[in-house]
Amino acid sequence: MTDASTILRLDRSRRDAMLGADGEALAALLDDGVVWIHGNGNINTKEEILDYIGNARTKYLSIERTEEDIRFLGGLAFISGVEDMKVEVAEGVLALRNRFTVVWEPAGEESKIINCQFTSMREPALQQKKA
């Protein structure tokens, strides 16, 4: 069985690959059928994620993990916590705060991410009541 330190190190490699726009390194960590769910609800495939990052359509400027927990269940590894990110897109730079879960299928150094889900922690905008 793959231990927690291996999975956490591989997940750090995922973040480093995203920050360095290293599509090859990221591709090696993603299962071919990975489901990537963004904080805004958009869903991407492996090919779409690699296209966004590899072609600099999405540029990760920073990824700071402020909370982190790992659990193993049913042969899978679940990393969850909170990340603060700055991401450059065509419209400008986004400052994001997300609660996340990354699901790994452990296989030592060959472990793969099968699911990533991010939930935005933005404060809801209060709208005035109509009179």
N, C-alpha and C. Protein backbone atom coordinates (compact mmCIF):
# COMPACT_ATOMS: atom_id res chain seq x y z
N MET A 1 0.85 -1.20 0.00
CA MET A 1 0.00 0.00 0.00
C MET A 1 0.89 1.25 0.00
N THR A 2 0.48 2.22 -0.74
CA THR A 2 1.19 3.49 -0.81
C THR A 2 0.95 4.27 0.48
N ASP A 3 2.01 4.86 1.03
CA ASP A 3 1.86 5.59 2.28
C ASP A 3 1.49 7.05 2.04
N ALA A 4 1.07 7.71 3.11
CA ALA A 4 0.61 9.10 3.02
C ALA A 4 1.70 10.03 2.50
N SER A 5 2.94 9.82 2.93
CA SER A 5 4.02 10.73 2.51
C SER A 5 4.24 10.67 1.00
N THR A 6 4.09 9.49 0.39
CA THR A 6 4.23 9.38 -1.07
C THR A 6 3.13 10.14 -1.78
N ILE A 7 1.88 9.95 -1.35
CA ILE A 7 0.75 10.63 -1.99
C ILE A 7 0.88 12.14 -1.82
N LEU A 8 1.24 12.61 -0.63
CA LEU A 8 1.37 14.05 -0.40
C LEU A 8 2.51 14.64 -1.24
N ARG A 9 3.60 13.88 -1.41
CA ARG A 9 4.71 14.35 -2.25
C ARG A 9 4.27 14.42 -3.72
N LEU A 10 3.53 13.41 -4.18
CA LEU A 10 3.03 13.43 -5.56
C LEU A 10 2.05 14.58 -5.76
N ASP A 11 1.23 14.86 -4.75
CA ASP A 11 0.29 15.98 -4.89
C ASP A 11 1.03 17.31 -4.92
N ARG A 12 2.13 17.42 -4.19
CA ARG A 12 2.98 18.63 -4.29
C ARG A 12 3.54 18.74 -5.71
N SER A 13 3.89 17.60 -6.31
CA SER A 13 4.37 17.60 -7.70
C SER A 13 3.29 18.08 -8.66
N ARG A 14 2.02 17.74 -8.36
CA ARG A 14 0.91 18.23 -9.18
C ARG A 14 0.85 19.75 -9.14
N ARG A 15 0.92 20.31 -7.94
CA ARG A 15 0.86 21.76 -7.82
C ARG A 15 2.07 22.42 -8.49
N ASP A 16 3.25 21.83 -8.33
CA ASP A 16 4.44 22.36 -8.99
C ASP A 16 4.30 22.33 -10.50
N ALA A 17 3.72 21.25 -11.04
CA ALA A 17 3.51 21.15 -12.49
C ALA A 17 2.53 22.21 -12.97
N MET A 18 1.50 22.47 -12.19
CA MET A 18 0.53 23.50 -12.56
C MET A 18 1.19 24.87 -12.54
N LEU A 19 1.98 25.15 -11.51
CA LEU A 19 2.66 26.45 -11.41
C LEU A 19 3.70 26.63 -12.52
N GLY A 20 4.35 25.55 -12.91
CA GLY A 20 5.38 25.62 -13.94
C GLY A 20 4.86 25.38 -15.34
N ALA A 21 3.54 25.26 -15.49
CA ALA A 21 2.92 24.98 -16.80
C ALA A 21 3.58 23.79 -17.47
N ASP A 22 3.88 22.76 -16.66
CA ASP A 22 4.56 21.55 -17.13
C ASP A 22 3.51 20.48 -17.45
N GLY A 23 3.01 20.53 -18.68
CA GLY A 23 1.97 19.60 -19.10
C GLY A 23 2.40 18.16 -19.05
N GLU A 24 3.65 17.89 -19.38
CA GLU A 24 4.15 16.52 -19.38
C GLU A 24 4.15 15.93 -17.96
N ALA A 25 4.64 16.71 -17.00
CA ALA A 25 4.66 16.24 -15.61
C ALA A 25 3.25 16.07 -15.08
N LEU A 26 2.36 17.00 -15.42
CA LEU A 26 0.98 16.90 -14.96
C LEU A 26 0.28 15.70 -15.58
N ALA A 27 0.51 15.47 -16.87
CA ALA A 27 -0.11 14.34 -17.57
C ALA A 27 0.24 13.02 -16.91
N ALA A 28 1.47 12.90 -16.42
CA ALA A 28 1.92 11.66 -15.78
C ALA A 28 1.19 11.39 -14.47
N LEU A 29 0.61 12.42 -13.87
CA LEU A 29 -0.07 12.28 -12.58
C LEU A 29 -1.58 12.09 -12.72
N LEU A 30 -2.12 12.39 -13.89
CA LEU A 30 -3.57 12.33 -14.10
C LEU A 30 -3.98 11.03 -14.77
N ASP A 31 -4.98 10.37 -14.22
CA ASP A 31 -5.58 9.22 -14.87
C ASP A 31 -6.23 9.67 -16.17
N ASP A 32 -6.26 8.81 -17.17
CA ASP A 32 -6.86 9.20 -18.46
C ASP A 32 -8.33 9.59 -18.31
N GLY A 33 -9.03 9.03 -17.33
CA GLY A 33 -10.44 9.34 -17.13
C GLY A 33 -10.71 10.33 -16.02
N VAL A 34 -9.69 11.10 -15.61
CA VAL A 34 -9.84 12.03 -14.50
C VAL A 34 -11.01 12.99 -14.74
N VAL A 35 -11.72 13.30 -13.67
CA VAL A 35 -12.78 14.32 -13.70
C VAL A 35 -12.28 15.47 -12.83
N TRP A 36 -12.21 16.68 -13.42
CA TRP A 36 -11.68 17.87 -12.74
C TRP A 36 -12.82 18.88 -12.64
N ILE A 37 -13.30 19.12 -11.42
CA ILE A 37 -14.45 20.00 -11.20
C ILE A 37 -13.96 21.28 -10.54
N HIS A 38 -14.17 22.39 -11.22
CA HIS A 38 -13.71 23.70 -10.74
C HIS A 38 -14.70 24.29 -9.74
N GLY A 39 -14.24 25.28 -9.00
CA GLY A 39 -15.06 25.96 -8.00
C GLY A 39 -16.30 26.63 -8.57
N ASN A 40 -16.26 26.94 -9.88
CA ASN A 40 -17.43 27.57 -10.52
C ASN A 40 -18.37 26.54 -11.13
N GLY A 41 -18.06 25.25 -10.95
CA GLY A 41 -18.92 24.20 -11.46
C GLY A 41 -18.52 23.63 -12.80
N ASN A 42 -17.59 24.27 -13.51
CA ASN A 42 -17.13 23.74 -14.79
C ASN A 42 -16.40 22.42 -14.58
N ILE A 43 -16.55 21.52 -15.54
CA ILE A 43 -15.91 20.21 -15.48
C ILE A 43 -15.00 20.06 -16.69
N ASN A 44 -13.78 19.54 -16.46
CA ASN A 44 -12.83 19.32 -17.54
C ASN A 44 -12.29 17.90 -17.53
N THR A 45 -11.91 17.45 -18.73
CA THR A 45 -11.24 16.17 -18.90
C THR A 45 -9.73 16.38 -18.78
N LYS A 46 -9.00 15.30 -18.81
CA LYS A 46 -7.55 15.37 -18.77
C LYS A 46 -7.02 16.21 -19.93
N GLU A 47 -7.51 15.95 -21.13
CA GLU A 47 -7.05 16.67 -22.31
C GLU A 47 -7.31 18.16 -22.19
N GLU A 48 -8.47 18.53 -21.68
CA GLU A 48 -8.81 19.95 -21.53
C GLU A 48 -7.92 20.63 -20.50
N ILE A 49 -7.67 19.97 -19.37
CA ILE A 49 -6.79 20.55 -18.35
C ILE A 49 -5.40 20.76 -18.91
N LEU A 50 -4.88 19.76 -19.61
CA LEU A 50 -3.53 19.88 -20.18
C LEU A 50 -3.47 20.97 -21.24
N ASP A 51 -4.54 21.14 -22.00
CA ASP A 51 -4.59 22.21 -23.01
C ASP A 51 -4.58 23.58 -22.34
N TYR A 52 -5.41 23.77 -21.33
CA TYR A 52 -5.47 25.06 -20.63
C TYR A 52 -4.12 25.43 -20.03
N ILE A 53 -3.48 24.47 -19.37
CA ILE A 53 -2.22 24.76 -18.69
C ILE A 53 -1.06 24.78 -19.68
N GLY A 54 -0.99 23.81 -20.56
CA GLY A 54 0.12 23.72 -21.51
C GLY A 54 0.17 24.84 -22.52
N ASN A 55 -0.98 25.38 -22.88
CA ASN A 55 -1.03 26.47 -23.85
C ASN A 55 -1.19 27.83 -23.19
N ALA A 56 -0.95 27.88 -21.88
CA ALA A 56 -0.96 29.12 -21.09
C ALA A 56 -2.29 29.87 -21.17
N ARG A 57 -3.38 29.14 -21.45
CA ARG A 57 -4.70 29.77 -21.39
C ARG A 57 -5.09 30.02 -19.94
N THR A 58 -4.56 29.18 -19.06
CA THR A 58 -4.70 29.36 -17.62
C THR A 58 -3.30 29.30 -17.05
N LYS A 59 -2.89 30.35 -16.34
CA LYS A 59 -1.55 30.38 -15.76
C LYS A 59 -1.70 30.49 -14.24
N TYR A 60 -1.23 29.46 -13.55
CA TYR A 60 -1.27 29.46 -12.09
C TYR A 60 -0.10 30.26 -11.57
N LEU A 61 -0.38 31.34 -10.85
CA LEU A 61 0.64 32.22 -10.31
C LEU A 61 1.06 31.80 -8.90
N SER A 62 0.11 31.29 -8.12
CA SER A 62 0.42 30.79 -6.78
C SER A 62 -0.65 29.81 -6.35
N ILE A 63 -0.22 28.83 -5.56
CA ILE A 63 -1.13 27.87 -4.94
C ILE A 63 -0.62 27.67 -3.52
N GLU A 64 -1.35 28.19 -2.56
CA GLU A 64 -0.96 28.09 -1.15
C GLU A 64 -1.97 27.21 -0.43
N ARG A 65 -1.51 26.10 0.09
CA ARG A 65 -2.39 25.19 0.83
C ARG A 65 -2.38 25.59 2.30
N THR A 66 -3.55 25.94 2.82
CA THR A 66 -3.63 26.39 4.21
C THR A 66 -4.18 25.32 5.15
N GLU A 67 -4.83 24.31 4.60
CA GLU A 67 -5.31 23.16 5.38
C GLU A 67 -5.08 21.92 4.53
N GLU A 68 -4.77 20.80 5.21
CA GLU A 68 -4.53 19.57 4.46
C GLU A 68 -4.78 18.37 5.37
N ASP A 69 -5.51 17.39 4.84
CA ASP A 69 -5.78 16.16 5.56
C ASP A 69 -5.77 15.03 4.53
N ILE A 70 -5.27 13.87 4.90
CA ILE A 70 -5.28 12.72 3.99
C ILE A 70 -5.91 11.54 4.70
N ARG A 71 -6.76 10.82 3.95
CA ARG A 71 -7.40 9.61 4.46
C ARG A 71 -7.34 8.55 3.37
N PHE A 72 -7.27 7.30 3.80
CA PHE A 72 -7.32 6.17 2.88
C PHE A 72 -8.61 5.41 3.15
N LEU A 73 -9.34 5.13 2.08
CA LEU A 73 -10.62 4.43 2.21
C LEU A 73 -10.87 3.64 0.94
N GLY A 74 -11.20 2.38 1.07
CA GLY A 74 -11.55 1.57 -0.09
C GLY A 74 -10.45 1.51 -1.14
N GLY A 75 -9.21 1.55 -0.71
CA GLY A 75 -8.09 1.48 -1.64
C GLY A 75 -7.75 2.80 -2.32
N LEU A 76 -8.43 3.88 -1.96
CA LEU A 76 -8.16 5.20 -2.54
C LEU A 76 -7.60 6.14 -1.47
N ALA A 77 -6.89 7.16 -1.92
CA ALA A 77 -6.38 8.20 -1.02
C ALA A 77 -7.13 9.49 -1.30
N PHE A 78 -7.65 10.12 -0.25
CA PHE A 78 -8.40 11.36 -0.35
C PHE A 78 -7.63 12.47 0.36
N ILE A 79 -7.21 13.48 -0.38
CA ILE A 79 -6.58 14.65 0.23
C ILE A 79 -7.63 15.76 0.20
N SER A 80 -7.86 16.38 1.33
CA SER A 80 -8.81 17.49 1.37
C SER A 80 -8.23 18.62 2.19
N GLY A 81 -8.74 19.82 1.95
CA GLY A 81 -8.26 20.98 2.67
C GLY A 81 -8.71 22.27 2.01
N VAL A 82 -7.90 23.31 2.20
CA VAL A 82 -8.19 24.63 1.65
C VAL A 82 -6.96 25.13 0.91
N GLU A 83 -7.19 25.72 -0.28
CA GLU A 83 -6.11 26.32 -1.06
C GLU A 83 -6.49 27.74 -1.46
N ASP A 84 -5.52 28.63 -1.37
CA ASP A 84 -5.64 29.98 -1.91
C ASP A 84 -4.81 30.01 -3.18
N MET A 85 -5.43 30.44 -4.28
CA MET A 85 -4.75 30.44 -5.57
C MET A 85 -4.89 31.79 -6.25
N LYS A 86 -3.88 32.12 -7.04
CA LYS A 86 -3.97 33.24 -7.98
C LYS A 86 -3.76 32.64 -9.35
N VAL A 87 -4.73 32.92 -10.23
CA VAL A 87 -4.75 32.32 -11.55
C VAL A 87 -4.95 33.42 -12.58
N GLU A 88 -4.10 33.42 -13.60
CA GLU A 88 -4.24 34.39 -14.68
C GLU A 88 -4.98 33.75 -15.84
N VAL A 89 -6.07 34.40 -16.25
CA VAL A 89 -6.86 33.98 -17.41
C VAL A 89 -6.98 35.17 -18.34
N ALA A 90 -7.62 35.00 -19.47
CA ALA A 90 -7.71 36.07 -20.47
C ALA A 90 -8.30 37.35 -19.89
N GLU A 91 -9.26 37.22 -18.96
CA GLU A 91 -9.95 38.38 -18.41
C GLU A 91 -9.16 39.10 -17.33
N GLY A 92 -8.11 38.47 -16.80
CA GLY A 92 -7.32 39.08 -15.73
C GLY A 92 -6.88 38.04 -14.72
N VAL A 93 -6.52 38.50 -13.53
CA VAL A 93 -6.04 37.60 -12.47
C VAL A 93 -7.17 37.35 -11.47
N LEU A 94 -7.41 36.09 -11.19
CA LEU A 94 -8.43 35.69 -10.22
C LEU A 94 -7.76 35.31 -8.92
N ALA A 95 -8.28 35.79 -7.81
CA ALA A 95 -7.85 35.35 -6.48
C ALA A 95 -8.92 34.39 -5.98
N LEU A 96 -8.54 33.14 -5.78
CA LEU A 96 -9.50 32.10 -5.42
C LEU A 96 -9.18 31.52 -4.05
N ARG A 97 -10.21 31.19 -3.32
CA ARG A 97 -10.07 30.44 -2.07
C ARG A 97 -11.04 29.27 -2.20
N ASN A 98 -10.49 28.07 -2.23
CA ASN A 98 -11.29 26.88 -2.47
C ASN A 98 -11.08 25.82 -1.41
N ARG A 99 -12.16 25.16 -1.06
CA ARG A 99 -12.06 23.90 -0.33
C ARG A 99 -11.92 22.85 -1.42
N PHE A 100 -11.08 21.84 -1.21
CA PHE A 100 -10.80 20.89 -2.28
C PHE A 100 -10.78 19.46 -1.76
N THR A 101 -10.98 18.53 -2.69
CA THR A 101 -10.72 17.11 -2.48
C THR A 101 -10.05 16.60 -3.74
N VAL A 102 -8.90 15.94 -3.56
CA VAL A 102 -8.19 15.30 -4.66
C VAL A 102 -8.16 13.81 -4.33
N VAL A 103 -8.67 12.99 -5.25
CA VAL A 103 -8.73 11.54 -5.03
C VAL A 103 -7.65 10.87 -5.86
N TRP A 104 -6.79 10.13 -5.18
CA TRP A 104 -5.69 9.41 -5.81
C TRP A 104 -5.97 7.91 -5.77
N GLU A 105 -5.61 7.23 -6.86
CA GLU A 105 -5.60 5.77 -6.88
C GLU A 105 -4.15 5.36 -6.59
N PRO A 106 -3.86 4.93 -5.36
CA PRO A 106 -2.48 4.66 -4.97
C PRO A 106 -1.86 3.48 -5.71
N ALA A 107 -0.64 3.69 -6.20
CA ALA A 107 0.15 2.64 -6.85
C ALA A 107 1.62 3.04 -6.76
N GLY A 108 2.06 3.45 -5.57
CA GLY A 108 3.44 3.89 -5.40
C GLY A 108 3.72 5.10 -6.26
N GLU A 109 4.85 5.08 -6.95
CA GLU A 109 5.23 6.21 -7.81
C GLU A 109 4.34 6.32 -9.05
N GLU A 110 3.55 5.29 -9.32
CA GLU A 110 2.64 5.30 -10.47
C GLU A 110 1.22 5.71 -10.08
N SER A 111 1.03 6.24 -8.88
CA SER A 111 -0.29 6.68 -8.42
C SER A 111 -0.85 7.73 -9.37
N LYS A 112 -2.17 7.72 -9.54
CA LYS A 112 -2.83 8.64 -10.46
C LYS A 112 -3.99 9.35 -9.76
N ILE A 113 -4.23 10.59 -10.19
CA ILE A 113 -5.39 11.35 -9.72
C ILE A 113 -6.58 10.92 -10.56
N ILE A 114 -7.67 10.51 -9.89
CA ILE A 114 -8.86 10.12 -10.63
C ILE A 114 -9.98 11.16 -10.52
N ASN A 115 -9.87 12.06 -9.53
CA ASN A 115 -10.89 13.09 -9.38
C ASN A 115 -10.32 14.27 -8.59
N CYS A 116 -10.64 15.48 -9.05
CA CYS A 116 -10.33 16.72 -8.31
C CYS A 116 -11.61 17.52 -8.24
N GLN A 117 -11.94 18.01 -7.07
CA GLN A 117 -13.12 18.86 -6.95
C GLN A 117 -12.79 20.04 -6.05
N PHE A 118 -13.12 21.22 -6.53
CA PHE A 118 -12.88 22.46 -5.80
C PHE A 118 -14.22 23.14 -5.56
N THR A 119 -14.41 23.66 -4.35
CA THR A 119 -15.62 24.39 -4.00
C THR A 119 -15.21 25.79 -3.55
N SER A 120 -15.75 26.79 -4.22
CA SER A 120 -15.41 28.17 -3.89
C SER A 120 -15.85 28.51 -2.47
N MET A 121 -14.97 29.23 -1.76
CA MET A 121 -15.30 29.69 -0.41
C MET A 121 -15.53 31.20 -0.39
N ARG A 122 -15.84 31.76 -1.55
CA ARG A 122 -16.11 33.20 -1.61
C ARG A 122 -17.33 33.54 -0.77
N GLU A 123 -17.28 34.71 -0.19
CA GLU A 123 -18.44 35.20 0.55
C GLU A 123 -19.55 35.51 -0.45
N PRO A 124 -20.77 35.10 -0.15
CA PRO A 124 -21.87 35.43 -1.05
C PRO A 124 -22.12 36.94 -1.08
N ALA A 125 -22.44 37.43 -2.24
CA ALA A 125 -22.75 38.86 -2.38
C ALA A 125 -24.18 39.10 -1.90
N LEU A 126 -24.34 40.03 -0.97
CA LEU A 126 -25.65 40.35 -0.44
C LEU A 126 -26.31 41.38 -1.35
N GLN A 127 -27.48 41.05 -1.83
CA GLN A 127 -28.22 41.97 -2.67
C GLN A 127 -29.31 42.62 -1.84
N GLN A 128 -29.58 43.87 -2.14
CA GLN A 128 -30.61 44.60 -1.40
C GLN A 128 -31.99 44.06 -1.77
N LYS A 129 -32.85 44.03 -0.76
CA LYS A 129 -34.23 43.62 -0.99
C LYS A 129 -34.95 44.72 -1.74
N LYS A 130 -35.85 44.30 -2.60
CA LYS A 130 -36.67 45.28 -3.32
C LYS A 130 -37.81 45.71 -2.42
N ALA A 131 -38.08 47.00 -2.44
CA ALA A 131 -39.14 47.55 -1.58
C ALA A 131 -40.51 47.25 -2.11
